[in-house]
Amino acid sequence: RITIQFCGSKKSLANGLPLATVLFPA
């Protein structure tokens, strides 16, 4: 339950920032 709570509720800044530079206009 602890694993589910922490892994299921988080969002990755490390993945999000690179993806944003690719997907969105500057």
PDB file of all heavy atoms in Angstrom:
ATOM      1  N   ARG A   1       0.835  -1.206   0.000  1.00  0.00           N
ATOM      2  CA  ARG A   1       0.000   0.000   0.000  1.00  0.00           C
ATOM      3  C   ARG A   1       0.874   1.262   0.000  1.00  0.00           C
ATOM      4  O   ARG A   1       0.553   2.248  -0.673  1.00  0.00           O
ATOM      5  CB  ARG A   1      -0.920   0.008   1.225  1.00  0.00           C
ATOM      6  CG  ARG A   1      -2.005  -1.057   1.188  1.00  0.00           C
ATOM      7  CD  ARG A   1      -2.893  -0.979   2.404  1.00  0.00           C
ATOM      8  NE  ARG A   1      -3.708   0.240   2.385  1.00  0.00           N
ATOM      9  CZ  ARG A   1      -4.423   0.659   3.422  1.00  0.00           C
ATOM     10  NH1 ARG A   1      -4.423  -0.028   4.555  1.00  0.00           N
ATOM     11  NH2 ARG A   1      -5.145   1.757   3.319  1.00  0.00           N
ATOM     12  N   ILE A   2       1.955   1.209   0.741  1.00  0.00           N
ATOM     13  CA  ILE A   2       2.894   2.349   0.746  1.00  0.00           C
ATOM     14  C   ILE A   2       3.476   2.544  -0.646  1.00  0.00           C
ATOM     15  O   ILE A   2       3.550   3.672  -1.161  1.00  0.00           O
ATOM     16  CB  ILE A   2       4.008   2.108   1.783  1.00  0.00           C
ATOM     17  CG1 ILE A   2       3.443   2.187   3.193  1.00  0.00           C
ATOM     18  CG2 ILE A   2       5.149   3.109   1.600  1.00  0.00           C
ATOM     19  CD1 ILE A   2       4.425   1.764   4.274  1.00  0.00           C
ATOM     20  N   THR A   3       3.893   1.456  -1.268  1.00  0.00           N
ATOM     21  CA  THR A   3       4.469   1.537  -2.614  1.00  0.00           C
ATOM     22  C   THR A   3       3.465   2.110  -3.606  1.00  0.00           C
ATOM     23  O   THR A   3       3.799   2.987  -4.414  1.00  0.00           O
ATOM     24  CB  THR A   3       4.911   0.135  -3.075  1.00  0.00           C
ATOM     25  OG1 THR A   3       5.862  -0.386  -2.143  1.00  0.00           O
ATOM     26  CG2 THR A   3       5.540   0.189  -4.459  1.00  0.00           C
ATOM     27  N   ILE A   4       2.234   1.634  -3.544  1.00  0.00           N
ATOM     28  CA  ILE A   4       1.187   2.119  -4.452  1.00  0.00           C
ATOM     29  C   ILE A   4       0.942   3.604  -4.237  1.00  0.00           C
ATOM     30  O   ILE A   4       0.812   4.378  -5.200  1.00  0.00           O
ATOM     31  CB  ILE A   4      -0.106   1.315  -4.247  1.00  0.00           C
ATOM     32  CG1 ILE A   4       0.078  -0.120  -4.741  1.00  0.00           C
ATOM     33  CG2 ILE A   4      -1.288   1.971  -4.956  1.00  0.00           C
ATOM     34  CD1 ILE A   4      -1.011  -1.071  -4.297  1.00  0.00           C
ATOM     35  N   GLN A   5       0.907   4.032  -2.980  1.00  0.00           N
ATOM     36  CA  GLN A   5       0.606   5.425  -2.697  1.00  0.00           C
ATOM     37  C   GLN A   5       1.689   6.362  -3.220  1.00  0.00           C
ATOM     38  O   GLN A   5       1.386   7.378  -3.851  1.00  0.00           O
ATOM     39  CB  GLN A   5       0.419   5.627  -1.193  1.00  0.00           C
ATOM     40  CG  GLN A   5      -0.066   7.027  -0.833  1.00  0.00           C
ATOM     41  CD  GLN A   5      -0.635   7.097   0.555  1.00  0.00           C
ATOM     42  OE1 GLN A   5       0.089   6.872   1.521  1.00  0.00           O
ATOM     43  NE2 GLN A   5      -1.925   7.414   0.676  1.00  0.00           N
ATOM     44  N   PHE A   6       2.948   6.024  -2.995  1.00  0.00           N
ATOM     45  CA  PHE A   6       4.016   6.929  -3.412  1.00  0.00           C
ATOM     46  C   PHE A   6       4.314   6.837  -4.909  1.00  0.00           C
ATOM     47  O   PHE A   6       4.569   7.855  -5.553  1.00  0.00           O
ATOM     48  CB  PHE A   6       5.288   6.672  -2.590  1.00  0.00           C
ATOM     49  CG  PHE A   6       5.188   7.171  -1.183  1.00  0.00           C
ATOM     50  CD1 PHE A   6       5.280   6.301  -0.111  1.00  0.00           C
ATOM     51  CD2 PHE A   6       4.970   8.511  -0.923  1.00  0.00           C
ATOM     52  CE1 PHE A   6       5.168   6.764   1.188  1.00  0.00           C
ATOM     53  CE2 PHE A   6       4.851   8.984   0.364  1.00  0.00           C
ATOM     54  CZ  PHE A   6       4.945   8.106   1.428  1.00  0.00           C
ATOM     55  N   CYS A   7       4.282   5.648  -5.474  1.00  0.00           N
ATOM     56  CA  CYS A   7       4.569   5.520  -6.905  1.00  0.00           C
ATOM     57  C   CYS A   7       3.393   5.965  -7.773  1.00  0.00           C
ATOM     58  O   CYS A   7       3.600   6.426  -8.899  1.00  0.00           O
ATOM     59  CB  CYS A   7       4.938   4.070  -7.241  1.00  0.00           C
ATOM     60  SG  CYS A   7       6.505   3.522  -6.536  1.00  0.00           S
ATOM     61  N   GLY A   8       2.172   5.848  -7.259  1.00  0.00           N
ATOM     62  CA  GLY A   8       1.006   6.196  -8.053  1.00  0.00           C
ATOM     63  C   GLY A   8       0.614   7.658  -7.999  1.00  0.00           C
ATOM     64  O   GLY A   8      -0.214   8.107  -8.793  1.00  0.00           O
ATOM     65  N   SER A   9       1.211   8.425  -7.080  1.00  0.00           N
ATOM     66  CA  SER A   9       0.790   9.814  -6.892  1.00  0.00           C
ATOM     67  C   SER A   9       1.810  10.835  -7.385  1.00  0.00           C
ATOM     68  O   SER A   9       1.561  12.031  -7.301  1.00  0.00           O
ATOM     69  CB  SER A   9       0.522  10.078  -5.403  1.00  0.00           C
ATOM     70  OG  SER A   9       1.723   9.937  -4.648  1.00  0.00           O
ATOM     71  N   LYS A  10       2.942  10.393  -7.896  1.00  0.00           N
ATOM     72  CA  LYS A  10       4.027  11.306  -8.243  1.00  0.00           C
ATOM     73  C   LYS A  10       4.065  11.575  -9.747  1.00  0.00           C
ATOM     74  O   LYS A  10       3.616  10.766 -10.551  1.00  0.00           O
ATOM     75  CB  LYS A  10       5.389  10.711  -7.825  1.00  0.00           C
ATOM     76  CG  LYS A  10       5.432  10.221  -6.409  1.00  0.00           C
ATOM     77  CD  LYS A  10       5.387  11.346  -5.408  1.00  0.00           C
ATOM     78  CE  LYS A  10       6.741  11.999  -5.288  1.00  0.00           C
ATOM     79  NZ  LYS A  10       7.781  11.005  -4.992  1.00  0.00           N
ATOM     80  N   LYS A  11       4.617  12.732 -10.099  1.00  0.00           N
ATOM     81  CA  LYS A  11       4.844  13.087 -11.493  1.00  0.00           C
ATOM     82  C   LYS A  11       6.300  13.538 -11.646  1.00  0.00           C
ATOM     83  O   LYS A  11       6.840  14.249 -10.798  1.00  0.00           O
ATOM     84  CB  LYS A  11       3.891  14.196 -11.944  1.00  0.00           C
ATOM     85  CG  LYS A  11       2.451  13.724 -12.090  1.00  0.00           C
ATOM     86  CD  LYS A  11       2.296  12.685 -13.190  1.00  0.00           C
ATOM     87  CE  LYS A  11       0.878  12.185 -13.320  1.00  0.00           C
ATOM     88  NZ  LYS A  11       0.721  11.197 -14.406  1.00  0.00           N
ATOM     89  N   SER A  12       6.910  13.129 -12.754  1.00  0.00           N
ATOM     90  CA  SER A  12       8.349  13.292 -12.928  1.00  0.00           C
ATOM     91  C   SER A  12       8.721  14.624 -13.576  1.00  0.00           C
ATOM     92  O   SER A  12       8.401  14.877 -14.740  1.00  0.00           O
ATOM     93  CB  SER A  12       8.901  12.142 -13.776  1.00  0.00           C
ATOM     94  OG  SER A  12      10.272  12.346 -14.061  1.00  0.00           O
ATOM     95  N   LEU A  13       9.408  15.465 -12.815  1.00  0.00           N
ATOM     96  CA  LEU A  13       9.965  16.700 -13.363  1.00  0.00           C
ATOM     97  C   LEU A  13      11.072  16.381 -14.362  1.00  0.00           C
ATOM     98  O   LEU A  13      11.194  17.032 -15.405  1.00  0.00           O
ATOM     99  CB  LEU A  13      10.514  17.564 -12.230  1.00  0.00           C
ATOM    100  CG  LEU A  13      11.093  18.934 -12.614  1.00  0.00           C
ATOM    101  CD1 LEU A  13       9.981  19.891 -12.998  1.00  0.00           C
ATOM    102  CD2 LEU A  13      11.910  19.519 -11.473  1.00  0.00           C
ATOM    103  N   ALA A  14      11.867  15.348 -14.051  1.00  0.00           N
ATOM    104  CA  ALA A  14      13.000  14.988 -14.912  1.00  0.00           C
ATOM    105  C   ALA A  14      12.536  14.548 -16.302  1.00  0.00           C
ATOM    106  O   ALA A  14      13.207  14.830 -17.299  1.00  0.00           O
ATOM    107  CB  ALA A  14      13.822  13.873 -14.260  1.00  0.00           C
ATOM    108  N   ASN A  15      11.406  13.851 -16.378  1.00  0.00           N
ATOM    109  CA  ASN A  15      10.861  13.464 -17.679  1.00  0.00           C
ATOM    110  C   ASN A  15      10.050  14.578 -18.317  1.00  0.00           C
ATOM    111  O   ASN A  15      10.056  14.752 -19.540  1.00  0.00           O
ATOM    112  CB  ASN A  15       9.976  12.217 -17.532  1.00  0.00           C
ATOM    113  CG  ASN A  15      10.759  10.959 -17.272  1.00  0.00           C
ATOM    114  OD1 ASN A  15      11.269  10.769 -16.177  1.00  0.00           O
ATOM    115  ND2 ASN A  15      10.855  10.090 -18.252  1.00  0.00           N
ATOM    116  N   GLY A  16       9.349  15.343 -17.496  1.00  0.00           N
ATOM    117  CA  GLY A  16       8.439  16.347 -18.013  1.00  0.00           C
ATOM    118  C   GLY A  16       9.109  17.505 -18.711  1.00  0.00           C
ATOM    119  O   GLY A  16       8.659  17.955 -19.777  1.00  0.00           O
ATOM    120  N   LEU A  17      10.215  18.004 -18.135  1.00  0.00           N
ATOM    121  CA  LEU A  17      10.876  19.160 -18.738  1.00  0.00           C
ATOM    122  C   LEU A  17      11.452  18.858 -20.118  1.00  0.00           C
ATOM    123  O   LEU A  17      11.232  19.633 -21.062  1.00  0.00           O
ATOM    124  CB  LEU A  17      11.961  19.701 -17.794  1.00  0.00           C
ATOM    125  CG  LEU A  17      11.430  20.372 -16.523  1.00  0.00           C
ATOM    126  CD1 LEU A  17      12.578  20.768 -15.610  1.00  0.00           C
ATOM    127  CD2 LEU A  17      10.578  21.583 -16.850  1.00  0.00           C
ATOM    128  N   PRO A  18      12.184  17.753 -20.292  1.00  0.00           N
ATOM    129  CA  PRO A  18      12.650  17.445 -21.649  1.00  0.00           C
ATOM    130  C   PRO A  18      11.508  17.246 -22.640  1.00  0.00           C
ATOM    131  O   PRO A  18      11.587  17.699 -23.785  1.00  0.00           O
ATOM    132  CB  PRO A  18      13.453  16.150 -21.464  1.00  0.00           C
ATOM    133  CG  PRO A  18      13.862  16.159 -20.043  1.00  0.00           C
ATOM    134  CD  PRO A  18      12.730  16.803 -19.303  1.00  0.00           C
ATOM    135  N   LEU A  19      10.444  16.559 -22.219  1.00  0.00           N
ATOM    136  CA  LEU A  19       9.311  16.353 -23.114  1.00  0.00           C
ATOM    137  C   LEU A  19       8.658  17.674 -23.503  1.00  0.00           C
ATOM    138  O   LEU A  19       8.259  17.866 -24.650  1.00  0.00           O
ATOM    139  CB  LEU A  19       8.275  15.443 -22.453  1.00  0.00           C
ATOM    140  CG  LEU A  19       8.593  13.943 -22.432  1.00  0.00           C
ATOM    141  CD1 LEU A  19       7.624  13.212 -21.516  1.00  0.00           C
ATOM    142  CD2 LEU A  19       8.543  13.357 -23.835  1.00  0.00           C
ATOM    143  N   ALA A  20       8.573  18.595 -22.556  1.00  0.00           N
ATOM    144  CA  ALA A  20       7.964  19.896 -22.848  1.00  0.00           C
ATOM    145  C   ALA A  20       8.749  20.659 -23.896  1.00  0.00           C
ATOM    146  O   ALA A  20       8.174  21.335 -24.753  1.00  0.00           O
ATOM    147  CB  ALA A  20       7.839  20.719 -21.565  1.00  0.00           C
ATOM    148  N   THR A  21      10.096  20.571 -23.838  1.00  0.00           N
ATOM    149  CA  THR A  21      10.912  21.288 -24.823  1.00  0.00           C
ATOM    150  C   THR A  21      10.719  20.734 -26.227  1.00  0.00           C
ATOM    151  O   THR A  21      10.963  21.437 -27.212  1.00  0.00           O
ATOM    152  CB  THR A  21      12.404  21.221 -24.451  1.00  0.00           C
ATOM    153  OG1 THR A  21      12.856  19.862 -24.501  1.00  0.00           O
ATOM    154  CG2 THR A  21      12.656  21.779 -23.052  1.00  0.00           C
ATOM    155  N   VAL A  22      10.275  19.481 -26.316  1.00  0.00           N
ATOM    156  CA  VAL A  22      10.051  18.858 -27.617  1.00  0.00           C
ATOM    157  C   VAL A  22       8.622  19.094 -28.113  1.00  0.00           C
ATOM    158  O   VAL A  22       8.400  19.376 -29.295  1.00  0.00           O
ATOM    159  CB  VAL A  22      10.332  17.338 -27.547  1.00  0.00           C
ATOM    160  CG1 VAL A  22      10.028  16.679 -28.880  1.00  0.00           C
ATOM    161  CG2 VAL A  22      11.790  17.091 -27.156  1.00  0.00           C
ATOM    162  N   LEU A  23       7.647  19.012 -27.205  1.00  0.00           N
ATOM    163  CA  LEU A  23       6.251  19.033 -27.597  1.00  0.00           C
ATOM    164  C   LEU A  23       5.672  20.432 -27.790  1.00  0.00           C
ATOM    165  O   LEU A  23       4.731  20.597 -28.555  1.00  0.00           O
ATOM    166  CB  LEU A  23       5.400  18.290 -26.555  1.00  0.00           C
ATOM    167  CG  LEU A  23       5.626  16.775 -26.438  1.00  0.00           C
ATOM    168  CD1 LEU A  23       4.810  16.206 -25.289  1.00  0.00           C
ATOM    169  CD2 LEU A  23       5.247  16.077 -27.739  1.00  0.00           C
ATOM    170  N   PHE A  24       6.221  21.429 -27.093  1.00  0.00           N
ATOM    171  CA  PHE A  24       5.635  22.770 -27.128  1.00  0.00           C
ATOM    172  C   PHE A  24       6.514  23.744 -27.892  1.00  0.00           C
ATOM    173  O   PHE A  24       7.744  23.611 -27.888  1.00  0.00           O
ATOM    174  CB  PHE A  24       5.425  23.297 -25.705  1.00  0.00           C
ATOM    175  CG  PHE A  24       4.413  22.527 -24.909  1.00  0.00           C
ATOM    176  CD1 PHE A  24       4.824  21.550 -24.012  1.00  0.00           C
ATOM    177  CD2 PHE A  24       3.062  22.756 -25.061  1.00  0.00           C
ATOM    178  CE1 PHE A  24       3.912  20.822 -23.269  1.00  0.00           C
ATOM    179  CE2 PHE A  24       2.130  22.030 -24.330  1.00  0.00           C
ATOM    180  CZ  PHE A  24       2.556  21.067 -23.437  1.00  0.00           C
ATOM    181  N   PRO A  25       5.905  24.744 -28.535  1.00  0.00           N
ATOM    182  CA  PRO A  25       6.696  25.817 -29.154  1.00  0.00           C
ATOM    183  C   PRO A  25       7.534  26.526 -28.091  1.00  0.00           C
ATOM    184  O   PRO A  25       7.160  26.569 -26.914  1.00  0.00           O
ATOM    185  CB  PRO A  25       5.623  26.758 -29.721  1.00  0.00           C
ATOM    186  CG  PRO A  25       4.383  25.937 -29.818  1.00  0.00           C
ATOM    187  CD  PRO A  25       4.458  24.921 -28.725  1.00  0.00           C
ATOM    188  N   ALA A  26       8.676  27.093 -28.508  1.00  0.00           N
ATOM    189  CA  ALA A  26       9.608  27.698 -27.556  1.00  0.00           C
ATOM    190  C   ALA A  26       8.929  28.725 -26.657  1.00  0.00           C
ATOM    191  O   ALA A  26       9.163  28.772 -25.445  1.00  0.00           O
ATOM    192  CB  ALA A  26      10.776  28.345 -28.312  1.00  0.00           C
TER     193      ALA A  26
END
